Each structure stands twice: as C-alpha cells, then as structure tokens.
C-alpha cells in the first residue's frame, strides 16, 4: 500500500507543477528560467512515476 500512496503523492506533485507552469506561461513577463526549472522538476517526477509503475525495470 505504501507504493500506491507514494504514486498518488507523486501524481499530485506532477499536477501541481503542471498548474504552476501553466500559470507562469500565462503571466505577462513570465520568467523563462523559472518555467524551465519547473519543467525539469515535472519531468523528474514523471520519470519517477514511470519507474515505480514499471517496478523499477529499465529497458
């Protein structure tokens, strides 16, 4: 059950980052470096979710 809870937590963090990116992009004078940082963080979370869902197996 811990894995399911961890995946749910990561999924929520991914969703929050997606919303932050959307808000930053929509803001006039948005900060490109901040957008990039958020996207990198979001990608790391996505990769972690995929790794956990695959059982840690890399192809």
Protein backbone atom coordinates (compact mmCIF):
# COMPACT_ATOMS: atom_id res chain seq x y z
CA UNK A 1 0.00 0.00 0.00
CA UNK A 2 2.95 2.34 0.56
CA UNK A 3 3.74 2.26 -3.16
CA UNK A 4 0.20 3.30 -4.05
CA UNK A 5 0.36 6.20 -1.59
CA UNK A 6 3.76 7.27 -2.92
CA UNK A 7 2.48 7.16 -6.52
CA UNK A 8 -0.55 9.23 -5.51
CA UNK A 9 1.73 11.80 -3.85
CA UNK A 10 3.98 12.00 -6.91
CA UNK A 11 0.97 12.30 -9.21
CA UNK A 12 -0.36 15.20 -7.12
CA UNK A 13 3.04 16.94 -7.21
CA UNK A 14 3.10 16.47 -11.00
CA UNK A 15 -0.38 18.00 -11.29
CA UNK A 16 0.60 20.98 -9.10
CA UNK A 17 3.73 21.60 -11.16
CA UNK A 18 1.69 21.45 -14.37
CA UNK A 19 -0.62 24.13 -12.99
CA UNK A 20 2.34 26.29 -11.86
CA UNK A 21 3.85 26.05 -15.34
CA UNK A 22 0.55 26.99 -16.98
CA UNK A 23 0.17 29.97 -14.64
CA UNK A 24 3.73 31.15 -15.22
CA UNK A 25 3.42 30.86 -19.01
CA UNK A 26 0.16 32.82 -18.96
CA UNK A 27 1.67 35.61 -16.85
CA UNK A 28 2.93 38.65 -18.75
CA UNK A 29 6.69 38.91 -18.43
CA UNK A 30 6.98 35.27 -17.41
CA UNK A 31 10.35 34.04 -16.18
CA UNK A 32 11.79 31.59 -18.75
CA UNK A 33 14.34 30.24 -16.27
CA UNK A 34 11.62 29.51 -13.71
CA UNK A 35 9.50 27.81 -16.37
CA UNK A 36 12.48 25.67 -17.36
CA UNK A 37 13.21 24.76 -13.73
CA UNK A 38 9.58 23.76 -13.17
CA UNK A 39 9.54 21.67 -16.35
CA UNK A 40 12.71 19.83 -15.35
CA UNK A 41 11.26 19.10 -11.92
CA UNK A 42 8.00 17.91 -13.50
CA UNK A 43 9.90 15.61 -15.87
CA UNK A 44 11.88 14.10 -12.98
CA UNK A 45 8.62 13.33 -11.18
CA UNK A 46 7.13 11.84 -14.34
CA UNK A 47 10.19 9.62 -14.76
CA UNK A 48 9.96 8.52 -11.11
CA UNK A 49 6.27 7.65 -11.55
CA UNK A 50 7.06 5.61 -14.67
CA UNK A 51 9.93 3.83 -12.92
CA UNK A 52 7.76 2.88 -9.96
CA UNK A 53 4.89 1.75 -12.18
CA UNK A 54 7.28 -0.44 -14.19
CA UNK A 55 8.59 -1.98 -10.99
CA UNK A 56 11.98 -0.35 -11.43
CA UNK A 57 12.73 -2.26 -14.63
CA UNK A 58 14.68 -0.31 -17.26
CA UNK A 59 14.57 -1.31 -20.92
